[in-house]
């Protein structure tokens, strides 16, 4: 249940040539500017594989006591300079709980307006909780917006992201949450370069709201919830830091550590969790 976006860059180079020309004893300097535009790469692909010490998704410990192994493939197409289509798949396996499996298929479109980025997308979740259990499914729509502030020594990107479950419903139809359940995340991402274009430290903070998407083990603990298992209210806060290290133009390795805290007894989840992981990405 992880999404990711890639942005393609456009590069150009300019050569300035000074030419002296003599006409009837008069010297003139003619500046000729030659601009060579490199062919813009309109497509890209990235293959990633990684490990997480816990599988924390929207504040919930999905497989308590188990770590997670996953592999992801993204393909991007940019038919114009500021727009990118992405399609991808994410496949995950529980390690301690080796019977857990999940396959996510997703697609999105991202458009940039200067420093403003807007994204909309769709995700299909296919979850196999364990041997003898029926598969669970979800169809989800999402939208997001963020804005980049470059203050020199660091980059700051506040953003807001909304996820809406269009079904199937939880229960007899094998859904993971009620129809029209949703999740809203206010997020602040930062990036502090340690060595330009090679390694950075990327702290983040997120404040998340739940609208009948997640369950509480103690529904009566949620103010105004009237004892319903799926509740609306503050879901959790989370923060952490990732350190990506770009080894070359193709390979990037990353590690992260994070913490999540919640107050309303999210099902199967401790009030506070600390976790981490590592991954490697091959970009083409």
Foldseek 3Di string as FASTA:
>chain_A
DDDDDDAFDWDKDKDWDWDWDADPNDIDIDIDIDIDGDDGDFKKKKKKKKKKQFDADLNARLDPPWIKIKIKMKMWGHPDRFKIKIWMKMWMATDVQRFKIKIKTKIKMWGDDVQKIKMKIKMWIWIGGGPPDDIAIWIKIKIKMWGWDCPPQKIKIWMKMKMFTQDDAPDPVRYQFGHRWMKIKTKMWMWGDPDPPFKIKIKMKIWMWTRRGFFAPAQVVDPPQVRDGRGTGTRKIKIWIKMWGDPDPFKIKMKIKMKIAGDRHTDPHDRIDIMMMMMMMGMD
